[in-house]
Amino acid sequence: MNSLSLALEGVWKVLAAGLVLGAGLPVVFALGVRALAFAEGGEAEDSHAEPHPIGRVLAVICFAVVAIGIILGITYIVASGFGKTISFEHVWPTIVDKH
């Protein structure tokens, strides 16, 4: 029974990573594009509303989150190739030797 709980724990981790990276980043990117349309106002939307500066700020935040996710993913892949890993012990990611 212990092996079943370990297997389900592993499945849960893979599912969560898949949702965050597989679907989460594209959703955040889509929200960023939508925020840009909101920022432009009537030129990009059917409502012909006034431009909203907060939309541009939200778009920049969304695109920054996506860029950080991509950079961390590439860094993890490259670090693994050199026998290292990424550590978040001090909040800021650092490349350390695998234990």
N, C-alpha and C. Protein backbone atom coordinates (compact mmCIF):
# COMPACT_ATOMS: atom_id res chain seq x y z
N MET A 1 0.82 -1.19 0.00
CA MET A 1 0.00 0.00 0.00
C MET A 1 0.86 1.26 0.00
N ASN A 2 2.03 1.16 0.59
CA ASN A 2 2.94 2.29 0.65
C ASN A 2 3.41 2.69 -0.75
N SER A 3 3.65 1.69 -1.61
CA SER A 3 4.11 1.99 -2.96
C SER A 3 3.03 2.70 -3.77
N LEU A 4 1.77 2.38 -3.51
CA LEU A 4 0.67 3.06 -4.21
C LEU A 4 0.62 4.54 -3.83
N SER A 5 0.79 4.84 -2.55
CA SER A 5 0.77 6.24 -2.14
C SER A 5 1.97 7.00 -2.70
N LEU A 6 3.12 6.34 -2.78
CA LEU A 6 4.29 6.99 -3.39
C LEU A 6 4.06 7.25 -4.87
N ALA A 7 3.44 6.30 -5.56
CA ALA A 7 3.16 6.48 -6.99
C ALA A 7 2.17 7.62 -7.20
N LEU A 8 1.13 7.68 -6.36
CA LEU A 8 0.15 8.77 -6.50
C LEU A 8 0.76 10.12 -6.17
N GLU A 9 1.71 10.15 -5.24
CA GLU A 9 2.40 11.39 -4.93
C GLU A 9 3.22 11.86 -6.13
N GLY A 10 3.88 10.94 -6.81
CA GLY A 10 4.64 11.28 -8.01
C GLY A 10 3.75 11.74 -9.14
N VAL A 11 2.62 11.08 -9.31
CA VAL A 11 1.67 11.47 -10.36
C VAL A 11 1.15 12.88 -10.09
N TRP A 12 0.87 13.19 -8.84
CA TRP A 12 0.36 14.52 -8.49
C TRP A 12 1.38 15.60 -8.84
N LYS A 13 2.66 15.34 -8.56
CA LYS A 13 3.71 16.32 -8.87
C LYS A 13 3.84 16.55 -10.37
N VAL A 14 3.78 15.47 -11.14
CA VAL A 14 3.88 15.60 -12.60
C VAL A 14 2.66 16.34 -13.15
N LEU A 15 1.49 16.04 -12.63
CA LEU A 15 0.27 16.72 -13.07
C LEU A 15 0.32 18.22 -12.76
N ALA A 16 0.77 18.55 -11.56
CA ALA A 16 0.86 19.97 -11.19
C ALA A 16 1.87 20.72 -12.06
N ALA A 17 3.03 20.11 -12.30
CA ALA A 17 4.03 20.75 -13.16
C ALA A 17 3.50 20.90 -14.59
N GLY A 18 2.79 19.90 -15.07
CA GLY A 18 2.22 19.97 -16.41
C GLY A 18 1.18 21.08 -16.54
N LEU A 19 0.36 21.24 -15.51
CA LEU A 19 -0.65 22.30 -15.56
C LEU A 19 -0.01 23.68 -15.48
N VAL A 20 0.98 23.84 -14.61
CA VAL A 20 1.61 25.15 -14.46
C VAL A 20 2.41 25.52 -15.70
N LEU A 21 3.25 24.62 -16.15
CA LEU A 21 4.13 24.95 -17.28
C LEU A 21 3.47 24.68 -18.63
N GLY A 22 2.66 23.63 -18.71
CA GLY A 22 2.05 23.28 -19.99
C GLY A 22 0.87 24.16 -20.36
N ALA A 23 0.06 24.49 -19.38
CA ALA A 23 -1.12 25.32 -19.66
C ALA A 23 -1.04 26.68 -18.99
N GLY A 24 -0.34 26.76 -17.89
CA GLY A 24 -0.30 28.01 -17.13
C GLY A 24 0.41 29.14 -17.84
N LEU A 25 1.59 28.88 -18.38
CA LEU A 25 2.33 29.95 -19.07
C LEU A 25 1.61 30.45 -20.32
N PRO A 26 1.04 29.56 -21.16
CA PRO A 26 0.27 30.09 -22.29
C PRO A 26 -0.96 30.90 -21.88
N VAL A 27 -1.58 30.52 -20.76
CA VAL A 27 -2.73 31.30 -20.28
C VAL A 27 -2.28 32.68 -19.83
N VAL A 28 -1.15 32.76 -19.12
CA VAL A 28 -0.64 34.06 -18.67
C VAL A 28 -0.25 34.91 -19.88
N PHE A 29 0.33 34.29 -20.91
CA PHE A 29 0.67 35.03 -22.13
C PHE A 29 -0.60 35.56 -22.81
N ALA A 30 -1.64 34.74 -22.88
CA ALA A 30 -2.91 35.17 -23.48
C ALA A 30 -3.53 36.32 -22.69
N LEU A 31 -3.42 36.27 -21.36
CA LEU A 31 -3.91 37.38 -20.55
C LEU A 31 -3.12 38.65 -20.83
N GLY A 32 -1.82 38.51 -21.08
CA GLY A 32 -1.00 39.66 -21.43
C GLY A 32 -1.42 40.29 -22.75
N VAL A 33 -1.73 39.45 -23.73
CA VAL A 33 -2.20 39.96 -25.02
C VAL A 33 -3.54 40.67 -24.85
N ARG A 34 -4.41 40.07 -24.04
CA ARG A 34 -5.72 40.69 -23.79
C ARG A 34 -5.56 42.02 -23.06
N ALA A 35 -4.61 42.08 -22.13
CA ALA A 35 -4.36 43.33 -21.41
C ALA A 35 -3.83 44.41 -22.35
N LEU A 36 -3.04 44.02 -23.35
CA LEU A 36 -2.58 45.01 -24.35
C LEU A 36 -3.75 45.56 -25.15
N ALA A 37 -4.69 44.69 -25.50
CA ALA A 37 -5.88 45.16 -26.22
C ALA A 37 -6.70 46.11 -25.35
N PHE A 38 -6.79 45.79 -24.07
CA PHE A 38 -7.49 46.66 -23.12
C PHE A 38 -6.77 48.00 -22.99
N ALA A 39 -5.44 47.96 -23.05
CA ALA A 39 -4.65 49.19 -22.93
C ALA A 39 -4.86 50.12 -24.11
N GLU A 40 -5.04 49.55 -25.29
CA GLU A 40 -5.21 50.38 -26.49
C GLU A 40 -6.60 50.97 -26.58
N GLY A 41 -7.56 50.36 -25.91
CA GLY A 41 -8.91 50.91 -25.91
C GLY A 41 -9.64 50.68 -27.21
N GLY A 42 -10.23 51.73 -27.76
CA GLY A 42 -11.09 51.64 -28.93
C GLY A 42 -10.41 51.15 -30.19
N GLU A 43 -9.10 51.28 -30.30
CA GLU A 43 -8.41 50.85 -31.51
C GLU A 43 -8.33 49.33 -31.60
N ALA A 44 -8.36 48.63 -30.48
CA ALA A 44 -8.21 47.19 -30.50
C ALA A 44 -9.47 46.45 -30.04
N GLU A 45 -10.45 47.13 -29.51
CA GLU A 45 -11.66 46.49 -29.01
C GLU A 45 -12.88 46.99 -29.79
N ASP A 46 -13.95 46.21 -29.71
CA ASP A 46 -15.19 46.58 -30.38
C ASP A 46 -15.96 47.67 -29.63
N SER A 47 -15.65 47.86 -28.36
CA SER A 47 -16.43 48.79 -27.54
C SER A 47 -16.07 50.26 -27.79
N HIS A 48 -14.98 50.52 -28.49
CA HIS A 48 -14.51 51.88 -28.76
C HIS A 48 -14.33 52.69 -27.47
N ALA A 49 -13.81 52.03 -26.47
CA ALA A 49 -13.58 52.68 -25.18
C ALA A 49 -12.27 53.48 -25.21
N GLU A 50 -12.09 54.28 -24.20
CA GLU A 50 -10.85 55.05 -24.06
C GLU A 50 -9.69 54.12 -23.70
N PRO A 51 -8.47 54.48 -24.05
CA PRO A 51 -7.31 53.67 -23.65
C PRO A 51 -7.16 53.62 -22.13
N HIS A 52 -6.67 52.49 -21.64
CA HIS A 52 -6.49 52.27 -20.20
C HIS A 52 -5.02 52.00 -19.93
N PRO A 53 -4.31 52.92 -19.28
CA PRO A 53 -2.88 52.72 -19.01
C PRO A 53 -2.59 51.52 -18.12
N ILE A 54 -3.52 51.13 -17.26
CA ILE A 54 -3.29 50.00 -16.37
C ILE A 54 -3.17 48.70 -17.18
N GLY A 55 -3.78 48.67 -18.35
CA GLY A 55 -3.68 47.48 -19.20
C GLY A 55 -2.25 47.21 -19.64
N ARG A 56 -1.52 48.25 -19.95
CA ARG A 56 -0.13 48.09 -20.36
C ARG A 56 0.72 47.58 -19.20
N VAL A 57 0.45 48.05 -17.99
CA VAL A 57 1.18 47.58 -16.81
C VAL A 57 0.89 46.10 -16.57
N LEU A 58 -0.38 45.71 -16.66
CA LEU A 58 -0.74 44.30 -16.49
C LEU A 58 -0.10 43.44 -17.57
N ALA A 59 -0.05 43.93 -18.80
CA ALA A 59 0.57 43.17 -19.88
C ALA A 59 2.06 42.97 -19.63
N VAL A 60 2.74 44.00 -19.18
CA VAL A 60 4.18 43.88 -18.89
C VAL A 60 4.41 42.86 -17.78
N ILE A 61 3.56 42.87 -16.76
CA ILE A 61 3.70 41.91 -15.67
C ILE A 61 3.50 40.49 -16.18
N CYS A 62 2.47 40.29 -17.00
CA CYS A 62 2.20 38.95 -17.55
C CYS A 62 3.36 38.47 -18.42
N PHE A 63 3.86 39.34 -19.29
CA PHE A 63 4.96 38.94 -20.16
C PHE A 63 6.24 38.70 -19.37
N ALA A 64 6.45 39.44 -18.29
CA ALA A 64 7.62 39.21 -17.44
C ALA A 64 7.55 37.84 -16.76
N VAL A 65 6.37 37.47 -16.29
CA VAL A 65 6.20 36.15 -15.66
C VAL A 65 6.50 35.04 -16.67
N VAL A 66 6.01 35.19 -17.89
CA VAL A 66 6.28 34.19 -18.93
C VAL A 66 7.76 34.13 -19.26
N ALA A 67 8.40 35.29 -19.39
CA ALA A 67 9.83 35.32 -19.71
C ALA A 67 10.66 34.68 -18.59
N ILE A 68 10.32 34.96 -17.34
CA ILE A 68 11.04 34.35 -16.23
C ILE A 68 10.86 32.84 -16.23
N GLY A 69 9.66 32.38 -16.51
CA GLY A 69 9.42 30.94 -16.59
C GLY A 69 10.24 30.28 -17.68
N ILE A 70 10.32 30.91 -18.82
CA ILE A 70 11.11 30.37 -19.94
C ILE A 70 12.59 30.36 -19.59
N ILE A 71 13.08 31.45 -19.03
CA ILE A 71 14.50 31.54 -18.66
C ILE A 71 14.86 30.49 -17.62
N LEU A 72 14.01 30.32 -16.60
CA LEU A 72 14.28 29.30 -15.59
C LEU A 72 14.24 27.90 -16.17
N GLY A 73 13.33 27.65 -17.09
CA GLY A 73 13.27 26.34 -17.73
C GLY A 73 14.52 26.02 -18.53
N ILE A 74 14.97 26.97 -19.32
CA ILE A 74 16.19 26.76 -20.11
C ILE A 74 17.39 26.61 -19.18
N THR A 75 17.44 27.42 -18.11
CA THR A 75 18.55 27.32 -17.15
C THR A 75 18.56 25.95 -16.49
N TYR A 76 17.41 25.44 -16.14
CA TYR A 76 17.34 24.11 -15.52
C TYR A 76 17.85 23.02 -16.47
N ILE A 77 17.46 23.11 -17.72
CA ILE A 77 17.90 22.11 -18.71
C ILE A 77 19.40 22.17 -18.90
N VAL A 78 19.95 23.36 -19.05
CA VAL A 78 21.39 23.52 -19.26
C VAL A 78 22.16 23.09 -18.01
N ALA A 79 21.67 23.49 -16.83
CA ALA A 79 22.35 23.11 -15.58
C ALA A 79 22.35 21.60 -15.41
N SER A 80 21.27 20.93 -15.75
CA SER A 80 21.21 19.48 -15.65
C SER A 80 22.22 18.82 -16.57
N GLY A 81 22.45 19.40 -17.72
CA GLY A 81 23.44 18.87 -18.65
C GLY A 81 24.85 18.95 -18.11
N PHE A 82 25.11 19.89 -17.23
CA PHE A 82 26.43 20.03 -16.61
C PHE A 82 26.52 19.36 -15.25
N GLY A 83 25.50 18.58 -14.87
CA GLY A 83 25.49 17.88 -13.60
C GLY A 83 25.18 18.78 -12.43
N LYS A 84 24.45 19.84 -12.66
CA LYS A 84 24.10 20.78 -11.59
C LYS A 84 22.58 20.89 -11.53
N THR A 85 22.09 21.65 -10.58
CA THR A 85 20.66 21.89 -10.45
C THR A 85 20.42 23.32 -9.98
N ILE A 86 19.17 23.73 -9.97
CA ILE A 86 18.83 25.08 -9.53
C ILE A 86 18.30 24.99 -8.10
N SER A 87 18.80 25.87 -7.23
CA SER A 87 18.36 25.92 -5.84
C SER A 87 17.67 27.25 -5.58
N PHE A 88 16.57 27.20 -4.83
CA PHE A 88 15.84 28.40 -4.45
C PHE A 88 15.93 28.64 -2.95
N GLU A 89 17.02 28.21 -2.33
CA GLU A 89 17.18 28.32 -0.88
C GLU A 89 17.12 29.77 -0.40
N HIS A 90 17.68 30.68 -1.13
CA HIS A 90 17.73 32.08 -0.72
C HIS A 90 16.82 32.94 -1.59
N VAL A 91 15.72 32.38 -2.03
CA VAL A 91 14.70 33.01 -2.87
C VAL A 91 15.22 33.23 -4.29
N TRP A 92 16.40 33.80 -4.43
CA TRP A 92 16.99 34.03 -5.75
C TRP A 92 17.54 32.70 -6.27
N PRO A 93 17.19 32.29 -7.49
CA PRO A 93 17.68 30.99 -7.99
C PRO A 93 19.19 31.01 -8.24
N THR A 94 19.85 29.95 -7.76
CA THR A 94 21.27 29.79 -7.98
C THR A 94 21.55 28.39 -8.50
N ILE A 95 22.60 28.25 -9.28
CA ILE A 95 22.99 26.95 -9.80
C ILE A 95 23.99 26.33 -8.82
N VAL A 96 23.66 25.12 -8.35
CA VAL A 96 24.50 24.43 -7.37
C VAL A 96 24.77 23.00 -7.85
N ASP A 97 25.77 22.36 -7.26
CA ASP A 97 26.06 20.96 -7.58
C ASP A 97 24.95 20.07 -7.07
N LYS A 98 24.68 18.98 -7.79
CA LYS A 98 23.71 18.00 -7.31
C LYS A 98 24.30 17.25 -6.13
N HIS A 99 23.48 16.90 -5.18
CA HIS A 99 23.98 16.19 -4.00
C HIS A 99 24.00 14.71 -4.25
